[in-house]
Amino acid sequence: MKKHVKKLLSYPYAKTGLIFLGLIVALFAYYFYAMSTTAQGPVPVVEVTATDHVRGAQGGKVTLVEFGDFQCPACAAYEPLVRQIVAANPDTLSFVFRHFPLTAIHRNALLAAKASEAAALQGKFWEMHDVLYDRQKEWGETLNAREIILSYATELGLDMQKFSVDIDSSAIEDKIVAEYREGSQLKVQGTPTFFLNGKMIESPQSFEAFDKLIKEAAANAQ
């Protein structure tokens, strides 16, 4: 039987058939690759909306968006650099913070995000944002994070009755979840992740590197 098969494959028409079959397989492979590439479409970019919290220049030439997690140690480590960059570019840089709580590894991240949004309803998003990062070690891994965060709200002079209701509101949680989903669609995989004028960038490792990116973006926007 093996001899017959070997003999059959030695015929010219059999070889031609194998070549034709190979071409068909290659064409199908290319087709499915092309279809998958088209389905993915262009990489989406970040657009600032009316619901965003903006620090720095209002309507600046350069927009820096951070997807962050209040319990993330790397975000807390980056925060002084971010504030320095905003302060160094007061007329050109608009800084936007969006929520990306990594709840699988940070049990208090969602609570902190809710607290910042509850504070925002009283005009103090950035005040709560700052204290949550500045004092992350106090509340980050504790079992009584809620009590500690409530004490921050008291320090900030918030209406505590309103704050206590708002922190558990479904509207606030929906906003946070929507921002997290947007981050996922933008291929955000960890925090902090930065987008400069809509496009994801590698996190700069120094003030000089970060400032250079901002100034280059401002020059290109002119």
C-alpha atoms as a PDB file:
ATOM      1  CA  MET A   1       0.000   0.000   0.000  1.00  0.00           C
ATOM      2  CA  LYS A   2       2.812   2.392   0.894  1.00  0.00           C
ATOM      3  CA  LYS A   3       4.456   1.704  -2.479  1.00  0.00           C
ATOM      4  CA  HIS A   4       1.244   2.598  -4.294  1.00  0.00           C
ATOM      5  CA  VAL A   5       0.899   5.860  -2.388  1.00  0.00           C
ATOM      6  CA  LYS A   6       4.517   6.765  -3.051  1.00  0.00           C
ATOM      7  CA  LYS A   7       4.045   6.011  -6.728  1.00  0.00           C
ATOM      8  CA  LEU A   8       0.862   8.065  -6.880  1.00  0.00           C
ATOM      9  CA  LEU A   9       2.556  11.089  -5.327  1.00  0.00           C
ATOM     10  CA  SER A  10       5.299  10.874  -7.888  1.00  0.00           C
ATOM     11  CA  TYR A  11       2.903  11.662 -10.740  1.00  0.00           C
ATOM     12  CA  PRO A  12       2.996  15.252 -12.065  1.00  0.00           C
ATOM     13  CA  TYR A  13      -0.710  15.856 -11.523  1.00  0.00           C
ATOM     14  CA  ALA A  14      -0.407  14.835  -7.876  1.00  0.00           C
ATOM     15  CA  LYS A  15       2.388  17.335  -7.316  1.00  0.00           C
ATOM     16  CA  THR A  16       0.338  20.033  -9.027  1.00  0.00           C
ATOM     17  CA  GLY A  17      -2.584  19.211  -6.766  1.00  0.00           C
ATOM     18  CA  LEU A  18      -0.449  19.571  -3.674  1.00  0.00           C
ATOM     19  CA  ILE A  19       0.826  22.958  -4.860  1.00  0.00           C
ATOM     20  CA  PHE A  20      -2.731  24.070  -5.582  1.00  0.00           C
ATOM     21  CA  LEU A  21      -3.836  22.908  -2.121  1.00  0.00           C
ATOM     22  CA  GLY A  22      -0.989  24.852  -0.547  1.00  0.00           C
ATOM     23  CA  LEU A  23      -2.030  28.003  -2.377  1.00  0.00           C
ATOM     24  CA  ILE A  24      -5.619  27.586  -1.180  1.00  0.00           C
ATOM     25  CA  VAL A  25      -4.474  27.213   2.428  1.00  0.00           C
ATOM     26  CA  ALA A  26      -2.250  30.288   2.108  1.00  0.00           C
ATOM     27  CA  LEU A  27      -5.093  32.346   0.635  1.00  0.00           C
ATOM     28  CA  PHE A  28      -7.465  31.351   3.440  1.00  0.00           C
ATOM     29  CA  ALA A  29      -4.825  32.224   6.040  1.00  0.00           C
ATOM     30  CA  TYR A  30      -4.328  35.655   4.493  1.00  0.00           C
ATOM     31  CA  TYR A  31      -8.087  36.223   4.280  1.00  0.00           C
ATOM     32  CA  PHE A  32      -8.664  35.518   7.962  1.00  0.00           C
ATOM     33  CA  TYR A  33      -5.658  37.656   8.934  1.00  0.00           C
ATOM     34  CA  ALA A  34      -6.977  40.557   6.851  1.00  0.00           C
ATOM     35  CA  MET A  35     -10.453  40.178   8.311  1.00  0.00           C
ATOM     36  CA  SER A  36      -9.155  40.159  11.889  1.00  0.00           C
ATOM     37  CA  THR A  37      -7.012  43.236  11.247  1.00  0.00           C
ATOM     38  CA  THR A  38      -9.938  45.103   9.721  1.00  0.00           C
ATOM     39  CA  ALA A  39     -12.219  44.092  12.586  1.00  0.00           C
ATOM     40  CA  GLN A  40      -9.800  45.575  15.098  1.00  0.00           C
ATOM     41  CA  GLY A  41      -9.861  48.911  13.278  1.00  0.00           C
ATOM     42  CA  PRO A  42      -7.690  51.898  14.152  1.00  0.00           C
ATOM     43  CA  VAL A  43      -6.374  52.294  17.693  1.00  0.00           C
ATOM     44  CA  PRO A  44      -8.862  54.524  19.565  1.00  0.00           C
ATOM     45  CA  VAL A  45      -7.707  57.760  21.166  1.00  0.00           C
ATOM     46  CA  VAL A  46      -8.784  59.557  24.332  1.00  0.00           C
ATOM     47  CA  GLU A  47     -11.141  62.502  24.050  1.00  0.00           C
ATOM     48  CA  VAL A  48     -11.797  64.883  26.948  1.00  0.00           C
ATOM     49  CA  THR A  49     -15.459  65.206  27.925  1.00  0.00           C
ATOM     50  CA  ALA A  50     -17.532  67.507  30.116  1.00  0.00           C
ATOM     51  CA  THR A  51     -17.526  64.930  32.932  1.00  0.00           C
ATOM     52  CA  ASP A  52     -13.724  64.865  33.205  1.00  0.00           C
ATOM     53  CA  HIS A  53     -11.828  66.394  36.111  1.00  0.00           C
ATOM     54  CA  VAL A  54      -9.241  68.821  34.729  1.00  0.00           C
ATOM     55  CA  ARG A  55      -6.258  70.325  36.543  1.00  0.00           C
ATOM     56  CA  GLY A  56      -3.991  72.998  35.105  1.00  0.00           C
ATOM     57  CA  ALA A  57      -4.774  74.922  31.945  1.00  0.00           C
ATOM     58  CA  GLN A  58      -8.391  74.879  30.867  1.00  0.00           C
ATOM     59  CA  GLY A  59      -8.462  74.039  27.166  1.00  0.00           C
ATOM     60  CA  GLY A  60      -4.680  73.859  26.950  1.00  0.00           C
ATOM     61  CA  LYS A  61      -2.815  72.949  23.776  1.00  0.00           C
ATOM     62  CA  VAL A  62      -1.647  69.756  25.444  1.00  0.00           C
ATOM     63  CA  THR A  63      -3.852  67.259  27.255  1.00  0.00           C
ATOM     64  CA  LEU A  64      -2.386  64.608  29.516  1.00  0.00           C
ATOM     65  CA  VAL A  65      -4.830  61.905  30.634  1.00  0.00           C
ATOM     66  CA  GLU A  66      -3.930  59.463  33.385  1.00  0.00           C
ATOM     67  CA  PHE A  67      -5.804  56.247  34.018  1.00  0.00           C
ATOM     68  CA  GLY A  68      -5.035  55.691  37.680  1.00  0.00           C
ATOM     69  CA  ASP A  69      -5.820  53.662  40.780  1.00  0.00           C
ATOM     70  CA  PHE A  70      -5.709  55.435  44.149  1.00  0.00           C
ATOM     71  CA  GLN A  71      -4.390  52.314  45.885  1.00  0.00           C
ATOM     72  CA  CYS A  72      -1.685  51.687  43.282  1.00  0.00           C
ATOM     73  CA  PRO A  73       1.802  52.295  44.774  1.00  0.00           C
ATOM     74  CA  ALA A  74       3.217  53.147  41.334  1.00  0.00           C
ATOM     75  CA  CYS A  75       0.535  55.822  40.857  1.00  0.00           C
ATOM     76  CA  ALA A  76       1.374  57.314  44.253  1.00  0.00           C
ATOM     77  CA  ALA A  77       5.060  57.297  43.338  1.00  0.00           C
ATOM     78  CA  TYR A  78       4.320  59.099  40.055  1.00  0.00           C
ATOM     79  CA  GLU A  79       2.004  61.671  41.626  1.00  0.00           C
ATOM     80  CA  PRO A  80       4.714  64.183  42.706  1.00  0.00           C
ATOM     81  CA  LEU A  81       6.146  64.098  39.181  1.00  0.00           C
ATOM     82  CA  VAL A  82       2.701  64.657  37.641  1.00  0.00           C
ATOM     83  CA  ARG A  83       2.073  67.651  39.909  1.00  0.00           C
ATOM     84  CA  GLN A  84       5.501  69.046  39.046  1.00  0.00           C
ATOM     85  CA  ILE A  85       4.770  68.723  35.318  1.00  0.00           C
ATOM     86  CA  VAL A  86       1.399  70.463  35.669  1.00  0.00           C
ATOM     87  CA  ALA A  87       2.968  73.294  37.675  1.00  0.00           C
ATOM     88  CA  ALA A  88       5.772  73.710  35.129  1.00  0.00           C
ATOM     89  CA  ASN A  89       3.346  74.078  32.198  1.00  0.00           C
ATOM     90  CA  PRO A  90       0.482  76.183  33.603  1.00  0.00           C
ATOM     91  CA  ASP A  91      -0.578  77.768  30.323  1.00  0.00           C
ATOM     92  CA  THR A  92      -0.352  74.794  27.980  1.00  0.00           C
ATOM     93  CA  LEU A  93      -1.071  71.582  29.925  1.00  0.00           C
ATOM     94  CA  SER A  94      -4.498  70.258  30.873  1.00  0.00           C
ATOM     95  CA  PHE A  95      -4.270  67.224  33.146  1.00  0.00           C
ATOM     96  CA  VAL A  96      -7.184  64.796  33.340  1.00  0.00           C
ATOM     97  CA  PHE A  97      -7.591  61.933  35.804  1.00  0.00           C
ATOM     98  CA  ARG A  98      -9.696  58.885  34.990  1.00  0.00           C
ATOM     99  CA  HIS A  99     -10.452  55.897  37.147  1.00  0.00           C
ATOM    100  CA  PHE A 100      -8.963  52.479  36.536  1.00  0.00           C
ATOM    101  CA  PRO A 101      -9.299  50.686  39.902  1.00  0.00           C
ATOM    102  CA  LEU A 102      -7.529  47.318  39.899  1.00  0.00           C
ATOM    103  CA  THR A 103     -10.006  45.697  42.235  1.00  0.00           C
ATOM    104  CA  ALA A 104      -8.578  42.200  41.801  1.00  0.00           C
ATOM    105  CA  ILE A 105      -5.440  43.226  43.681  1.00  0.00           C
ATOM    106  CA  HIS A 106      -6.468  46.456  45.461  1.00  0.00           C
ATOM    107  CA  ARG A 107      -9.465  45.841  47.686  1.00  0.00           C
ATOM    108  CA  ASN A 108      -9.939  49.505  48.636  1.00  0.00           C
ATOM    109  CA  ALA A 109      -9.360  51.023  45.187  1.00  0.00           C
ATOM    110  CA  LEU A 110     -13.035  51.228  44.229  1.00  0.00           C
ATOM    111  CA  LEU A 111     -13.964  52.765  47.578  1.00  0.00           C
ATOM    112  CA  ALA A 112     -11.303  55.436  47.126  1.00  0.00           C
ATOM    113  CA  ALA A 113     -12.498  56.191  43.592  1.00  0.00           C
ATOM    114  CA  LYS A 114     -16.039  56.586  44.917  1.00  0.00           C
ATOM    115  CA  ALA A 115     -14.785  58.919  47.636  1.00  0.00           C
ATOM    116  CA  SER A 116     -13.098  61.178  45.089  1.00  0.00           C
ATOM    117  CA  GLU A 117     -16.282  61.374  43.024  1.00  0.00           C
ATOM    118  CA  ALA A 118     -18.412  62.028  46.104  1.00  0.00           C
ATOM    119  CA  ALA A 119     -16.037  64.870  46.972  1.00  0.00           C
ATOM    120  CA  ALA A 120     -16.317  66.114  43.380  1.00  0.00           C
ATOM    121  CA  LEU A 121     -20.050  66.643  43.893  1.00  0.00           C
ATOM    122  CA  GLN A 122     -19.045  69.223  46.489  1.00  0.00           C
ATOM    123  CA  GLY A 123     -16.361  70.786  44.314  1.00  0.00           C
ATOM    124  CA  LYS A 124     -13.385  69.077  45.965  1.00  0.00           C
ATOM    125  CA  PHE A 125     -12.318  66.271  43.657  1.00  0.00           C
ATOM    126  CA  TRP A 126      -8.676  67.343  43.491  1.00  0.00           C
ATOM    127  CA  GLU A 127      -8.466  67.902  47.226  1.00  0.00           C
ATOM    128  CA  MET A 128      -9.630  64.326  47.854  1.00  0.00           C
ATOM    129  CA  HIS A 129      -7.487  63.046  44.979  1.00  0.00           C
ATOM    130  CA  ASP A 130      -4.394  64.567  46.571  1.00  0.00           C
ATOM    131  CA  VAL A 131      -5.018  63.377  50.097  1.00  0.00           C
ATOM    132  CA  LEU A 132      -5.751  59.829  48.930  1.00  0.00           C
ATOM    133  CA  TYR A 133      -2.375  59.650  47.177  1.00  0.00           C
ATOM    134  CA  ASP A 134      -0.449  61.564  49.835  1.00  0.00           C
ATOM    135  CA  ARG A 135      -1.726  59.290  52.621  1.00  0.00           C
ATOM    136  CA  GLN A 136      -2.121  56.060  50.681  1.00  0.00           C
ATOM    137  CA  LYS A 137      -0.197  54.047  53.272  1.00  0.00           C
ATOM    138  CA  GLU A 138      -2.736  55.007  55.943  1.00  0.00           C
ATOM    139  CA  TRP A 139      -5.781  53.520  54.216  1.00  0.00           C
ATOM    140  CA  GLY A 140      -4.544  51.381  51.329  1.00  0.00           C
ATOM    141  CA  GLU A 141      -4.293  47.983  52.990  1.00  0.00           C
ATOM    142  CA  THR A 142      -6.438  48.543  56.055  1.00  0.00           C
ATOM    143  CA  LEU A 143      -9.725  46.869  56.909  1.00  0.00           C
ATOM    144  CA  ASN A 144     -11.177  50.165  58.150  1.00  0.00           C
ATOM    145  CA  ALA A 145     -10.393  52.170  55.019  1.00  0.00           C
ATOM    146  CA  ARG A 146     -13.908  53.585  54.916  1.00  0.00           C
ATOM    147  CA  GLU A 147     -13.591  55.170  58.359  1.00  0.00           C
ATOM    148  CA  ILE A 148     -10.208  56.648  57.469  1.00  0.00           C
ATOM    149  CA  ILE A 149     -11.489  58.069  54.181  1.00  0.00           C
ATOM    150  CA  LEU A 150     -14.521  59.524  55.951  1.00  0.00           C
ATOM    151  CA  SER A 151     -12.094  61.303  58.270  1.00  0.00           C
ATOM    152  CA  TYR A 152     -10.412  62.831  55.215  1.00  0.00           C
ATOM    153  CA  ALA A 153     -13.778  64.117  54.035  1.00  0.00           C
ATOM    154  CA  THR A 154     -14.295  65.712  57.451  1.00  0.00           C
ATOM    155  CA  GLU A 155     -10.860  67.361  57.242  1.00  0.00           C
ATOM    156  CA  LEU A 156     -11.774  68.765  53.835  1.00  0.00           C
ATOM    157  CA  GLY A 157     -14.858  70.375  55.314  1.00  0.00           C
ATOM    158  CA  LEU A 158     -17.353  68.370  53.276  1.00  0.00           C
ATOM    159  CA  ASP A 159     -21.024  67.991  54.126  1.00  0.00           C
ATOM    160  CA  MET A 160     -20.708  64.572  55.745  1.00  0.00           C
ATOM    161  CA  GLN A 161     -24.352  63.619  55.452  1.00  0.00           C
ATOM    162  CA  LYS A 162     -24.286  64.249  51.720  1.00  0.00           C
ATOM    163  CA  PHE A 163     -20.869  62.636  51.313  1.00  0.00           C
ATOM    164  CA  SER A 164     -21.951  59.472  53.121  1.00  0.00           C
ATOM    165  CA  VAL A 165     -24.913  59.100  50.783  1.00  0.00           C
ATOM    166  CA  ASP A 166     -23.060  60.003  47.600  1.00  0.00           C
ATOM    167  CA  ILE A 167     -20.161  57.612  48.180  1.00  0.00           C
ATOM    168  CA  ASP A 168     -22.591  54.708  47.840  1.00  0.00           C
ATOM    169  CA  SER A 169     -24.608  56.079  44.926  1.00  0.00           C
ATOM    170  CA  SER A 170     -25.067  53.960  41.817  1.00  0.00           C
ATOM    171  CA  ALA A 171     -24.458  57.003  39.600  1.00  0.00           C
ATOM    172  CA  ILE A 172     -20.933  57.400  40.957  1.00  0.00           C
ATOM    173  CA  GLU A 173     -20.161  53.709  40.611  1.00  0.00           C
ATOM    174  CA  ASP A 174     -21.515  53.741  37.035  1.00  0.00           C
ATOM    175  CA  LYS A 175     -19.165  56.619  36.145  1.00  0.00           C
ATOM    176  CA  ILE A 176     -16.151  54.768  37.543  1.00  0.00           C
ATOM    177  CA  VAL A 177     -17.084  51.546  35.777  1.00  0.00           C
ATOM    178  CA  ALA A 178     -17.569  53.424  32.494  1.00  0.00           C
ATOM    179  CA  GLU A 179     -14.086  54.949  32.761  1.00  0.00           C
ATOM    180  CA  TYR A 180     -12.590  51.559  33.586  1.00  0.00           C
ATOM    181  CA  ARG A 181     -14.257  50.020  30.541  1.00  0.00           C
ATOM    182  CA  GLU A 182     -13.023  52.858  28.362  1.00  0.00           C
ATOM    183  CA  GLY A 183      -9.509  52.229  29.650  1.00  0.00           C
ATOM    184  CA  SER A 184      -9.812  48.555  28.792  1.00  0.00           C
ATOM    185  CA  GLN A 185     -10.920  49.438  25.253  1.00  0.00           C
ATOM    186  CA  LEU A 186      -7.883  51.716  25.001  1.00  0.00           C
ATOM    187  CA  LYS A 187      -5.638  48.758  25.896  1.00  0.00           C
ATOM    188  CA  VAL A 188      -4.830  50.032  29.385  1.00  0.00           C
ATOM    189  CA  GLN A 189      -3.393  47.075  31.295  1.00  0.00           C
ATOM    190  CA  GLY A 190      -1.905  48.680  34.374  1.00  0.00           C
ATOM    191  CA  THR A 191      -1.608  51.921  36.282  1.00  0.00           C
ATOM    192  CA  PRO A 192      -0.576  54.597  35.832  1.00  0.00           C
ATOM    193  CA  THR A 193      -1.125  54.724  32.080  1.00  0.00           C
ATOM    194  CA  PHE A 194      -0.785  58.084  30.327  1.00  0.00           C
ATOM    195  CA  PHE A 195      -2.233  59.427  27.080  1.00  0.00           C
ATOM    196  CA  LEU A 196      -0.693  62.564  25.593  1.00  0.00           C
ATOM    197  CA  ASN A 197      -3.004  64.420  23.202  1.00  0.00           C
ATOM    198  CA  GLY A 198      -5.061  61.265  22.859  1.00  0.00           C
ATOM    199  CA  LYS A 199      -2.277  58.731  22.295  1.00  0.00           C
ATOM    200  CA  MET A 200      -0.790  56.305  24.795  1.00  0.00           C
ATOM    201  CA  ILE A 201       2.812  56.999  25.789  1.00  0.00           C
ATOM    202  CA  GLU A 202       5.476  55.151  27.731  1.00  0.00           C
ATOM    203  CA  SER A 203       5.599  56.509  31.274  1.00  0.00           C
ATOM    204  CA  PRO A 204       8.554  58.939  31.430  1.00  0.00           C
ATOM    205  CA  GLN A 205      11.097  58.181  34.136  1.00  0.00           C
ATOM    206  CA  SER A 206      12.158  61.744  34.982  1.00  0.00           C
ATOM    207  CA  PHE A 207      10.896  65.312  35.069  1.00  0.00           C
ATOM    208  CA  GLU A 208      13.164  66.248  32.157  1.00  0.00           C
ATOM    209  CA  ALA A 209      11.846  63.426  29.961  1.00  0.00           C
ATOM    210  CA  PHE A 210       8.239  64.198  30.863  1.00  0.00           C
ATOM    211  CA  ASP A 211       8.634  67.945  30.344  1.00  0.00           C
ATOM    212  CA  LYS A 212      10.277  67.368  26.962  1.00  0.00           C
ATOM    213  CA  LEU A 213       7.255  65.377  25.783  1.00  0.00           C
ATOM    214  CA  ILE A 214       4.893  68.121  26.926  1.00  0.00           C
ATOM    215  CA  LYS A 215       6.843  70.874  25.212  1.00  0.00           C
ATOM    216  CA  GLU A 216       7.194  68.881  21.979  1.00  0.00           C
ATOM    217  CA  ALA A 217       3.441  68.245  21.968  1.00  0.00           C
ATOM    218  CA  ALA A 218       2.785  71.955  22.532  1.00  0.00           C
ATOM    219  CA  ALA A 219       5.084  72.884  19.651  1.00  0.00           C
ATOM    220  CA  ASN A 220       3.380  70.396  17.343  1.00  0.00           C
ATOM    221  CA  ALA A 221      -0.031  71.734  18.297  1.00  0.00           C
ATOM    222  CA  GLN A 222       0.816  75.292  17.140  1.00  0.00           C
END
